[in-house]
Amino acid sequence: MDINCSRQGDVLNVSFSGDMCAECVPATEAFLKENLGGVTKLTLDFGNVRKLTNEGLMLLLSTRKKLGAAGMKIINVGEELYDSLEKQGVTTLIDVEKAG
């Protein structure tokens, strides 16, 4: 999994490429922990994410919880992954947008 980010003040934009699987969760979690300080809006670009395992999903949910009142959005989500997130009820907890 490759991670790229840009920060503009209190807004953090992160793009992922590859699979968000159990093996990459520790590094991704460390990256987010290091970069979330002072963030009021987090956007995660999943345009190049092929697969999201349960461990990756748990990381997303725990990140949402840590952000509290700060906004979190996942964008550019493929149809199949979006449908899976919707069936699991994730789209009621996190703002998720399908790829355009």
PDB file of N, CA and C in Angstrom:
ATOM      1  N   MET A   1       0.843  -1.167   0.000  1.00  0.00           N
ATOM      2  CA  MET A   1       0.000   0.000   0.000  1.00  0.00           C
ATOM      3  C   MET A   1       0.887   1.229   0.000  1.00  0.00           C
ATOM      4  N   ASP A   2       0.633   2.108  -0.945  1.00  0.00           N
ATOM      5  CA  ASP A   2       1.323   3.393  -1.012  1.00  0.00           C
ATOM      6  C   ASP A   2       0.393   4.467  -0.467  1.00  0.00           C
ATOM      7  N   ILE A   3       0.960   5.403   0.282  1.00  0.00           N
ATOM      8  CA  ILE A   3       0.189   6.485   0.884  1.00  0.00           C
ATOM      9  C   ILE A   3       0.822   7.810   0.475  1.00  0.00           C
ATOM     10  N   ASN A   4      -0.008   8.706  -0.034  1.00  0.00           N
ATOM     11  CA  ASN A   4       0.420  10.061  -0.354  1.00  0.00           C
ATOM     12  C   ASN A   4      -0.538  11.017   0.334  1.00  0.00           C
ATOM     13  N   CYS A   5      -0.015  12.156   0.763  1.00  0.00           N
ATOM     14  CA  CYS A   5      -0.916  13.098   1.426  1.00  0.00           C
ATOM     15  C   CYS A   5      -0.513  14.531   1.148  1.00  0.00           C
ATOM     16  N   SER A   6      -1.477  15.403   1.355  1.00  0.00           N
ATOM     17  CA  SER A   6      -1.227  16.839   1.326  1.00  0.00           C
ATOM     18  C   SER A   6      -2.044  17.443   2.451  1.00  0.00           C
ATOM     19  N   ARG A   7      -1.484  18.449   3.064  1.00  0.00           N
ATOM     20  CA  ARG A   7      -2.169  19.108   4.173  1.00  0.00           C
ATOM     21  C   ARG A   7      -2.216  20.601   3.902  1.00  0.00           C
ATOM     22  N   GLN A   8      -3.410  21.141   4.092  1.00  0.00           N
ATOM     23  CA  GLN A   8      -3.614  22.578   3.944  1.00  0.00           C
ATOM     24  C   GLN A   8      -4.277  23.059   5.227  1.00  0.00           C
ATOM     25  N   GLY A   9      -3.464  23.586   6.136  1.00  0.00           N
ATOM     26  CA  GLY A   9      -3.986  24.012   7.427  1.00  0.00           C
ATOM     27  C   GLY A   9      -4.487  22.826   8.219  1.00  0.00           C
ATOM     28  N   ASP A  10      -5.788  22.829   8.522  1.00  0.00           N
ATOM     29  CA  ASP A  10      -6.369  21.743   9.313  1.00  0.00           C
ATOM     30  C   ASP A  10      -7.080  20.697   8.456  1.00  0.00           C
ATOM     31  N   VAL A  11      -6.828  20.716   7.140  1.00  0.00           N
ATOM     32  CA  VAL A  11      -7.437  19.758   6.207  1.00  0.00           C
ATOM     33  C   VAL A  11      -6.360  18.809   5.698  1.00  0.00           C
ATOM     34  N   LEU A  12      -6.602  17.514   5.884  1.00  0.00           N
ATOM     35  CA  LEU A  12      -5.654  16.491   5.437  1.00  0.00           C
ATOM     36  C   LEU A  12      -6.304  15.653   4.344  1.00  0.00           C
ATOM     37  N   ASN A  13      -5.635  15.577   3.196  1.00  0.00           N
ATOM     38  CA  ASN A  13      -6.085  14.755   2.073  1.00  0.00           C
ATOM     39  C   ASN A  13      -5.084  13.620   1.890  1.00  0.00           C
ATOM     40  N   VAL A  14      -5.589  12.388   1.952  1.00  0.00           N
ATOM     41  CA  VAL A  14      -4.723  11.209   1.855  1.00  0.00           C
ATOM     42  C   VAL A  14      -5.212  10.332   0.710  1.00  0.00           C
ATOM     43  N   SER A  15      -4.287   9.896  -0.137  1.00  0.00           N
ATOM     44  CA  SER A  15      -4.657   8.959  -1.198  1.00  0.00           C
ATOM     45  C   SER A  15      -3.887   7.662  -0.991  1.00  0.00           C
ATOM     46  N   PHE A  16      -4.609   6.574  -1.197  1.00  0.00           N
ATOM     47  CA  PHE A  16      -4.055   5.235  -1.031  1.00  0.00           C
ATOM     48  C   PHE A  16      -3.998   4.543  -2.381  1.00  0.00           C
ATOM     49  N   SER A  17      -3.023   3.665  -2.525  1.00  0.00           N
ATOM     50  CA  SER A  17      -2.903   2.870  -3.733  1.00  0.00           C
ATOM     51  C   SER A  17      -2.522   1.449  -3.336  1.00  0.00           C
ATOM     52  N   GLY A  18      -3.318   0.472  -3.768  1.00  0.00           N
ATOM     53  CA  GLY A  18      -3.051  -0.919  -3.444  1.00  0.00           C
ATOM     54  C   GLY A  18      -4.167  -1.505  -2.602  1.00  0.00           C
ATOM     55  N   ASP A  19      -3.830  -2.544  -1.871  1.00  0.00           N
ATOM     56  CA  ASP A  19      -4.796  -3.223  -1.006  1.00  0.00           C
ATOM     57  C   ASP A  19      -4.646  -2.729   0.421  1.00  0.00           C
ATOM     58  N   MET A  20      -5.768  -2.433   1.076  1.00  0.00           N
ATOM     59  CA  MET A  20      -5.726  -2.100   2.491  1.00  0.00           C
ATOM     60  C   MET A  20      -6.007  -3.399   3.240  1.00  0.00           C
ATOM     61  N   CYS A  21      -4.919  -4.104   3.542  1.00  0.00           N
ATOM     62  CA  CYS A  21      -5.030  -5.441   4.122  1.00  0.00           C
ATOM     63  C   CYS A  21      -4.364  -5.472   5.496  1.00  0.00           C
ATOM     64  N   ALA A  22      -4.454  -6.615   6.147  1.00  0.00           N
ATOM     65  CA  ALA A  22      -3.926  -6.758   7.508  1.00  0.00           C
ATOM     66  C   ALA A  22      -2.443  -6.385   7.594  1.00  0.00           C
ATOM     67  N   GLU A  23      -1.671  -6.737   6.585  1.00  0.00           N
ATOM     68  CA  GLU A  23      -0.235  -6.475   6.611  1.00  0.00           C
ATOM     69  C   GLU A  23       0.097  -4.988   6.567  1.00  0.00           C
ATOM     70  N   CYS A  24      -0.746  -4.185   5.930  1.00  0.00           N
ATOM     71  CA  CYS A  24      -0.437  -2.759   5.800  1.00  0.00           C
ATOM     72  C   CYS A  24      -1.101  -1.899   6.869  1.00  0.00           C
ATOM     73  N   VAL A  25      -1.992  -2.471   7.668  1.00  0.00           N
ATOM     74  CA  VAL A  25      -2.712  -1.685   8.674  1.00  0.00           C
ATOM     75  C   VAL A  25      -1.769  -1.034   9.693  1.00  0.00           C
ATOM     76  N   PRO A  26      -0.768  -1.742  10.249  1.00  0.00           N
ATOM     77  CA  PRO A  26       0.095  -1.066  11.230  1.00  0.00           C
ATOM     78  C   PRO A  26       0.792   0.180  10.683  1.00  0.00           C
ATOM     79  N   ALA A  27       1.328   0.097   9.479  1.00  0.00           N
ATOM     80  CA  ALA A  27       2.000   1.255   8.882  1.00  0.00           C
ATOM     81  C   ALA A  27       1.004   2.371   8.575  1.00  0.00           C
ATOM     82  N   THR A  28      -0.173   2.006   8.096  1.00  0.00           N
ATOM     83  CA  THR A  28      -1.205   3.006   7.796  1.00  0.00           C
ATOM     84  C   THR A  28      -1.688   3.672   9.074  1.00  0.00           C
ATOM     85  N   GLU A  29      -1.871   2.878  10.115  1.00  0.00           N
ATOM     86  CA  GLU A  29      -2.298   3.421  11.403  1.00  0.00           C
ATOM     87  C   GLU A  29      -1.250   4.385  11.964  1.00  0.00           C
ATOM     88  N   ALA A  30       0.019   4.017  11.872  1.00  0.00           N
ATOM     89  CA  ALA A  30       1.102   4.881  12.340  1.00  0.00           C
ATOM     90  C   ALA A  30       1.132   6.185  11.546  1.00  0.00           C
ATOM     91  N   PHE A  31       0.958   6.080  10.239  1.00  0.00           N
ATOM     92  CA  PHE A  31       0.927   7.270   9.392  1.00  0.00           C
ATOM     93  C   PHE A  31      -0.200   8.209   9.814  1.00  0.00           C
ATOM     94  N   LEU A  32      -1.405   7.656   9.986  1.00  0.00           N
ATOM     95  CA  LEU A  32      -2.547   8.486  10.365  1.00  0.00           C
ATOM     96  C   LEU A  32      -2.344   9.101  11.739  1.00  0.00           C
ATOM     97  N   LYS A  33      -1.857   8.327  12.678  1.00  0.00           N
ATOM     98  CA  LYS A  33      -1.627   8.826  14.031  1.00  0.00           C
ATOM     99  C   LYS A  33      -0.657  10.009  14.007  1.00  0.00           C
ATOM    100  N   GLU A  34       0.372   9.891  13.186  1.00  0.00           N
ATOM    101  CA  GLU A  34       1.387  10.939  13.079  1.00  0.00           C
ATOM    102  C   GLU A  34       0.847  12.212  12.428  1.00  0.00           C
ATOM    103  N   ASN A  35      -0.152  12.071  11.556  1.00  0.00           N
ATOM    104  CA  ASN A  35      -0.610  13.211  10.762  1.00  0.00           C
ATOM    105  C   ASN A  35      -1.975  13.784  11.138  1.00  0.00           C
ATOM    106  N   LEU A  36      -2.689  13.192  12.075  1.00  0.00           N
ATOM    107  CA  LEU A  36      -4.052  13.641  12.378  1.00  0.00           C
ATOM    108  C   LEU A  36      -4.131  14.802  13.366  1.00  0.00           C
ATOM    109  N   GLY A  37      -3.043  15.141  14.012  1.00  0.00           N
ATOM    110  CA  GLY A  37      -3.065  16.223  14.993  1.00  0.00           C
ATOM    111  C   GLY A  37      -3.580  17.529  14.395  1.00  0.00           C
ATOM    112  N   GLY A  38      -4.607  18.103  15.006  1.00  0.00           N
ATOM    113  CA  GLY A  38      -5.158  19.380  14.554  1.00  0.00           C
ATOM    114  C   GLY A  38      -6.041  19.316  13.327  1.00  0.00           C
ATOM    115  N   VAL A  39      -6.313  18.125  12.833  1.00  0.00           N
ATOM    116  CA  VAL A  39      -7.132  17.978  11.624  1.00  0.00           C
ATOM    117  C   VAL A  39      -8.610  18.141  11.964  1.00  0.00           C
ATOM    118  N   THR A  40      -9.295  18.969  11.171  1.00  0.00           N
ATOM    119  CA  THR A  40     -10.750  19.122  11.320  1.00  0.00           C
ATOM    120  C   THR A  40     -11.501  18.506  10.153  1.00  0.00           C
ATOM    121  N   LYS A  41     -10.761  18.156   9.097  1.00  0.00           N
ATOM    122  CA  LYS A  41     -11.374  17.490   7.947  1.00  0.00           C
ATOM    123  C   LYS A  41     -10.356  16.542   7.333  1.00  0.00           C
ATOM    124  N   LEU A  42     -10.776  15.274   7.196  1.00  0.00           N
ATOM    125  CA  LEU A  42      -9.933  14.238   6.610  1.00  0.00           C
ATOM    126  C   LEU A  42     -10.637  13.659   5.396  1.00  0.00           C
ATOM    127  N   THR A  43      -9.939  13.670   4.258  1.00  0.00           N
ATOM    128  CA  THR A  43     -10.460  13.063   3.037  1.00  0.00           C
ATOM    129  C   THR A  43      -9.526  11.940   2.624  1.00  0.00           C
ATOM    130  N   LEU A  44     -10.099  10.748   2.461  1.00  0.00           N
ATOM    131  CA  LEU A  44      -9.342   9.580   2.044  1.00  0.00           C
ATOM    132  C   LEU A  44      -9.757   9.217   0.622  1.00  0.00           C
ATOM    133  N   ASP A  45      -8.814   9.240  -0.290  1.00  0.00           N
ATOM    134  CA  ASP A  45      -9.084   8.934  -1.697  1.00  0.00           C
ATOM    135  C   ASP A  45      -8.790   7.454  -1.943  1.00  0.00           C
ATOM    136  N   PHE A  46      -9.846   6.708  -2.254  1.00  0.00           N
ATOM    137  CA  PHE A  46      -9.733   5.268  -2.487  1.00  0.00           C
ATOM    138  C   PHE A  46      -9.768   4.940  -3.978  1.00  0.00           C
ATOM    139  N   GLY A  47      -9.455   5.898  -4.839  1.00  0.00           N
ATOM    140  CA  GLY A  47      -9.504   5.678  -6.271  1.00  0.00           C
ATOM    141  C   GLY A  47      -8.608   4.545  -6.756  1.00  0.00           C
ATOM    142  N   ASN A  48      -7.529   4.265  -6.029  1.00  0.00           N
ATOM    143  CA  ASN A  48      -6.603   3.210  -6.427  1.00  0.00           C
ATOM    144  C   ASN A  48      -6.541   2.067  -5.416  1.00  0.00           C
ATOM    145  N   VAL A  49      -7.572   1.964  -4.575  1.00  0.00           N
ATOM    146  CA  VAL A  49      -7.637   0.852  -3.618  1.00  0.00           C
ATOM    147  C   VAL A  49      -8.392  -0.292  -4.272  1.00  0.00           C
ATOM    148  N   ARG A  50      -7.747  -1.439  -4.323  1.00  0.00           N
ATOM    149  CA  ARG A  50      -8.357  -2.600  -4.963  1.00  0.00           C
ATOM    150  C   ARG A  50      -9.172  -3.430  -3.983  1.00  0.00           C
ATOM    151  N   LYS A  51      -8.704  -3.497  -2.731  1.00  0.00           N
ATOM    152  CA  LYS A  51      -9.341  -4.390  -1.767  1.00  0.00           C
ATOM    153  C   LYS A  51      -9.255  -3.773  -0.373  1.00  0.00           C
ATOM    154  N   LEU A  52     -10.301  -3.973   0.424  1.00  0.00           N
ATOM    155  CA  LEU A  52     -10.332  -3.525   1.814  1.00  0.00           C
ATOM    156  C   LEU A  52     -10.712  -4.723   2.682  1.00  0.00           C
ATOM    157  N   THR A  53      -9.779  -5.177   3.505  1.00  0.00           N
ATOM    158  CA  THR A  53     -10.055  -6.314   4.385  1.00  0.00           C
ATOM    159  C   THR A  53     -10.738  -5.823   5.663  1.00  0.00           C
ATOM    160  N   ASN A  54     -11.166  -6.768   6.489  1.00  0.00           N
ATOM    161  CA  ASN A  54     -11.799  -6.411   7.758  1.00  0.00           C
ATOM    162  C   ASN A  54     -10.870  -5.579   8.634  1.00  0.00           C
ATOM    163  N   GLU A  55      -9.581  -5.889   8.614  1.00  0.00           N
ATOM    164  CA  GLU A  55      -8.613  -5.128   9.409  1.00  0.00           C
ATOM    165  C   GLU A  55      -8.538  -3.678   8.925  1.00  0.00           C
ATOM    166  N   GLY A  56      -8.570  -3.495   7.615  1.00  0.00           N
ATOM    167  CA  GLY A  56      -8.578  -2.144   7.054  1.00  0.00           C
ATOM    168  C   GLY A  56      -9.845  -1.399   7.417  1.00  0.00           C
ATOM    169  N   LEU A  57     -10.960  -2.102   7.370  1.00  0.00           N
ATOM    170  CA  LEU A  57     -12.236  -1.503   7.744  1.00  0.00           C
ATOM    171  C   LEU A  57     -12.222  -1.082   9.207  1.00  0.00           C
ATOM    172  N   MET A  58     -11.690  -1.922  10.079  1.00  0.00           N
ATOM    173  CA  MET A  58     -11.614  -1.581  11.500  1.00  0.00           C
ATOM    174  C   MET A  58     -10.744  -0.348  11.718  1.00  0.00           C
ATOM    175  N   LEU A  59      -9.674  -0.214  10.933  1.00  0.00           N
ATOM    176  CA  LEU A  59      -8.828   0.968  11.019  1.00  0.00           C
ATOM    177  C   LEU A  59      -9.605   2.214  10.630  1.00  0.00           C
ATOM    178  N   LEU A  60     -10.393   2.137   9.566  1.00  0.00           N
ATOM    179  CA  LEU A  60     -11.198   3.283   9.149  1.00  0.00           C
ATOM    180  C   LEU A  60     -12.191   3.679  10.231  1.00  0.00           C
ATOM    181  N   LEU A  61     -12.848   2.696  10.816  1.00  0.00           N
ATOM    182  CA  LEU A  61     -13.838   2.988  11.859  1.00  0.00           C
ATOM    183  C   LEU A  61     -13.182   3.560  13.113  1.00  0.00           C
ATOM    184  N   SER A  62     -12.031   3.049  13.487  1.00  0.00           N
ATOM    185  CA  SER A  62     -11.358   3.585  14.669  1.00  0.00           C
ATOM    186  C   SER A  62     -10.834   4.999  14.398  1.00  0.00           C
ATOM    187  N   THR A  63     -10.403   5.253  13.163  1.00  0.00           N
ATOM    188  CA  THR A  63      -9.960   6.603  12.796  1.00  0.00           C
ATOM    189  C   THR A  63     -11.131   7.572  12.877  1.00  0.00           C
ATOM    190  N   ARG A  64     -12.289   7.143  12.388  1.00  0.00           N
ATOM    191  CA  ARG A  64     -13.490   7.985  12.471  1.00  0.00           C
ATOM    192  C   ARG A  64     -13.797   8.340  13.918  1.00  0.00           C
ATOM    193  N   LYS A  65     -13.700   7.349  14.782  1.00  0.00           N
ATOM    194  CA  LYS A  65     -13.975   7.564  16.206  1.00  0.00           C
ATOM    195  C   LYS A  65     -12.970   8.540  16.817  1.00  0.00           C
ATOM    196  N   LYS A  66     -11.698   8.399  16.487  1.00  0.00           N
ATOM    197  CA  LYS A  66     -10.655   9.279  17.019  1.00  0.00           C
ATOM    198  C   LYS A  66     -10.852  10.723  16.584  1.00  0.00           C
ATOM    199  N   LEU A  67     -11.407  10.917  15.399  1.00  0.00           N
ATOM    200  CA  LEU A  67     -11.594  12.272  14.883  1.00  0.00           C
ATOM    201  C   LEU A  67     -12.710  13.026  15.609  1.00  0.00           C
ATOM    202  N   GLY A  68     -13.595  12.307  16.259  1.00  0.00           N
ATOM    203  CA  GLY A  68     -14.682  12.968  16.981  1.00  0.00           C
ATOM    204  C   GLY A  68     -15.535  13.810  16.053  1.00  0.00           C
ATOM    205  N   ALA A  69     -15.606  15.101  16.341  1.00  0.00           N
ATOM    206  CA  ALA A  69     -16.460  16.007  15.575  1.00  0.00           C
ATOM    207  C   ALA A  69     -15.859  16.399  14.218  1.00  0.00           C
ATOM    208  N   ALA A  70     -14.603  16.090  14.000  1.00  0.00           N
ATOM    209  CA  ALA A  70     -13.968  16.421  12.722  1.00  0.00           C
ATOM    210  C   ALA A  70     -14.608  15.611  11.602  1.00  0.00           C
ATOM    211  N   GLY A  71     -14.633  16.174  10.426  1.00  0.00           N
ATOM    212  CA  GLY A  71     -15.234  15.501   9.279  1.00  0.00           C
ATOM    213  C   GLY A  71     -14.302  14.481   8.653  1.00  0.00           C
ATOM    214  N   MET A  72     -14.878  13.386   8.193  1.00  0.00           N
ATOM    215  CA  MET A  72     -14.108  12.357   7.487  1.00  0.00           C
ATOM    216  C   MET A  72     -14.912  11.897   6.287  1.00  0.00           C
ATOM    217  N   LYS A  73     -14.249  11.846   5.152  1.00  0.00           N
ATOM    218  CA  LYS A  73     -14.904  11.443   3.911  1.00  0.00           C
ATOM    219  C   LYS A  73     -13.994  10.506   3.152  1.00  0.00           C
ATOM    220  N   ILE A  74     -14.587   9.460   2.564  1.00  0.00           N
ATOM    221  CA  ILE A  74     -13.861   8.552   1.683  1.00  0.00           C
ATOM    222  C   ILE A  74     -14.420   8.784   0.285  1.00  0.00           C
ATOM    223  N   ILE A  75     -13.545   9.087  -0.662  1.00  0.00           N
ATOM    224  CA  ILE A  75     -13.988   9.422  -2.010  1.00  0.00           C
ATOM    225  C   ILE A  75     -13.437   8.432  -3.034  1.00  0.00           C
ATOM    226  N   ASN A  76     -14.016   8.477  -4.232  1.00  0.00           N
ATOM    227  CA  ASN A  76     -13.572   7.658  -5.375  1.00  0.00           C
ATOM    228  C   ASN A  76     -13.600   6.162  -5.084  1.00  0.00           C
ATOM    229  N   VAL A  77     -14.632   5.725  -4.389  1.00  0.00           N
ATOM    230  CA  VAL A  77     -14.767   4.316  -4.022  1.00  0.00           C
ATOM    231  C   VAL A  77     -15.416   3.557  -5.178  1.00  0.00           C
ATOM    232  N   GLY A  78     -14.797   2.455  -5.562  1.00  0.00           N
ATOM    233  CA  GLY A  78     -15.338   1.618  -6.628  1.00  0.00           C
ATOM    234  C   GLY A  78     -16.699   1.039  -6.260  1.00  0.00           C
ATOM    235  N   GLU A  79     -17.460   0.693  -7.273  1.00  0.00           N
ATOM    236  CA  GLU A  79     -18.832   0.205  -7.101  1.00  0.00           C
ATOM    237  C   GLU A  79     -18.924  -0.993  -6.154  1.00  0.00           C
ATOM    238  N   GLU A  80     -18.089  -1.998  -6.386  1.00  0.00           N
ATOM    239  CA  GLU A  80     -18.145  -3.213  -5.571  1.00  0.00           C
ATOM    240  C   GLU A  80     -17.798  -2.937  -4.111  1.00  0.00           C
ATOM    241  N   LEU A  81     -16.750  -2.145  -3.885  1.00  0.00           N
ATOM    242  CA  LEU A  81     -16.360  -1.800  -2.521  1.00  0.00           C
ATOM    243  C   LEU A  81     -17.430  -0.937  -1.855  1.00  0.00           C
ATOM    244  N   TYR A  82     -17.995  -0.006  -2.605  1.00  0.00           N
ATOM    245  CA  TYR A  82     -19.068   0.833  -2.054  1.00  0.00           C
ATOM    246  C   TYR A  82     -20.252  -0.033  -1.608  1.00  0.00           C
ATOM    247  N   ASP A  83     -20.663  -0.959  -2.457  1.00  0.00           N
ATOM    248  CA  ASP A  83     -21.788  -1.835  -2.119  1.00  0.00           C
ATOM    249  C   ASP A  83     -21.502  -2.628  -0.847  1.00  0.00           C
ATOM    250  N   SER A  84     -20.269  -3.109  -0.704  1.00  0.00           N
ATOM    251  CA  SER A  84     -19.886  -3.844   0.499  1.00  0.00           C
ATOM    252  C   SER A  84     -19.954  -2.949   1.735  1.00  0.00           C
ATOM    253  N   LEU A  85     -19.437  -1.734   1.623  1.00  0.00           N
ATOM    254  CA  LEU A  85     -19.479  -0.793   2.752  1.00  0.00           C
ATOM    255  C   LEU A  85     -20.912  -0.429   3.106  1.00  0.00           C
ATOM    256  N   GLU A  86     -21.737  -0.286   2.095  1.00  0.00           N
ATOM    257  CA  GLU A  86     -23.135   0.051   2.324  1.00  0.00           C
ATOM    258  C   GLU A  86     -23.854  -1.092   3.045  1.00  0.00           C
ATOM    259  N   LYS A  87     -23.625  -2.319   2.610  1.00  0.00           N
ATOM    260  CA  LYS A  87     -24.262  -3.485   3.236  1.00  0.00           C
ATOM    261  C   LYS A  87     -23.848  -3.637   4.692  1.00  0.00           C
ATOM    262  N   GLN A  88     -22.624  -3.241   5.010  1.00  0.00           N
ATOM    263  CA  GLN A  88     -22.112  -3.347   6.378  1.00  0.00           C
ATOM    264  C   GLN A  88     -22.513  -2.159   7.251  1.00  0.00           C
ATOM    265  N   GLY A  89     -23.193  -1.188   6.665  1.00  0.00           N
ATOM    266  CA  GLY A  89     -23.645  -0.023   7.422  1.00  0.00           C
ATOM    267  C   GLY A  89     -22.599   1.062   7.606  1.00  0.00           C
ATOM    268  N   VAL A  90     -21.460   0.916   6.958  1.00  0.00           N
ATOM    269  CA  VAL A  90     -20.372   1.886   7.104  1.00  0.00           C
ATOM    270  C   VAL A  90     -20.765   3.245   6.546  1.00  0.00           C
ATOM    271  N   THR A  91     -21.568   3.251   5.488  1.00  0.00           N
ATOM    272  CA  THR A  91     -21.942   4.526   4.857  1.00  0.00           C
ATOM    273  C   THR A  91     -22.847   5.371   5.748  1.00  0.00           C
ATOM    274  N   THR A  92     -23.372   4.801   6.817  1.00  0.00           N
ATOM    275  CA  THR A  92     -24.137   5.603   7.780  1.00  0.00           C
ATOM    276  C   THR A  92     -23.218   6.218   8.839  1.00  0.00           C
ATOM    277  N   LEU A  93     -21.989   5.714   8.936  1.00  0.00           N
ATOM    278  CA  LEU A  93     -21.025   6.207   9.926  1.00  0.00           C
ATOM    279  C   LEU A  93     -19.981   7.129   9.324  1.00  0.00           C
ATOM    280  N   ILE A  94     -19.653   6.889   8.062  1.00  0.00           N
ATOM    281  CA  ILE A  94     -18.627   7.663   7.361  1.00  0.00           C
ATOM    282  C   ILE A  94     -19.220   8.106   6.034  1.00  0.00           C
ATOM    283  N   ASP A  95     -18.957   9.338   5.655  1.00  0.00           N
ATOM    284  CA  ASP A  95     -19.382   9.856   4.353  1.00  0.00           C
ATOM    285  C   ASP A  95     -18.553   9.156   3.269  1.00  0.00           C
ATOM    286  N   VAL A  96     -19.207   8.370   2.431  1.00  0.00           N
ATOM    287  CA  VAL A  96     -18.530   7.595   1.386  1.00  0.00           C
ATOM    288  C   VAL A  96     -19.108   7.987   0.032  1.00  0.00           C
ATOM    289  N   GLU A  97     -18.237   8.338  -0.915  1.00  0.00           N
ATOM    290  CA  GLU A  97     -18.673   8.717  -2.258  1.00  0.00           C
ATOM    291  C   GLU A  97     -18.123   7.728  -3.284  1.00  0.00           C
ATOM    292  N   LYS A  98     -19.009   7.307  -4.179  1.00  0.00           N
ATOM    293  CA  LYS A  98     -18.604   6.431  -5.288  1.00  0.00           C
ATOM    294  C   LYS A  98     -17.706   7.194  -6.250  1.00  0.00           C
ATOM    295  N   ALA A  99     -16.911   6.428  -6.969  1.00  0.00           N
ATOM    296  CA  ALA A  99     -16.080   7.010  -8.027  1.00  0.00           C
ATOM    297  C   ALA A  99     -16.996   7.581  -9.099  1.00  0.00           C
ATOM    298  N   GLY A 100     -16.621   8.732  -9.621  1.00  0.00           N
ATOM    299  CA  GLY A 100     -17.457   9.424 -10.588  1.00  0.00           C
ATOM    300  C   GLY A 100     -17.264   8.906 -11.945  1.00  0.00           C
TER     301      GLY A 100
END
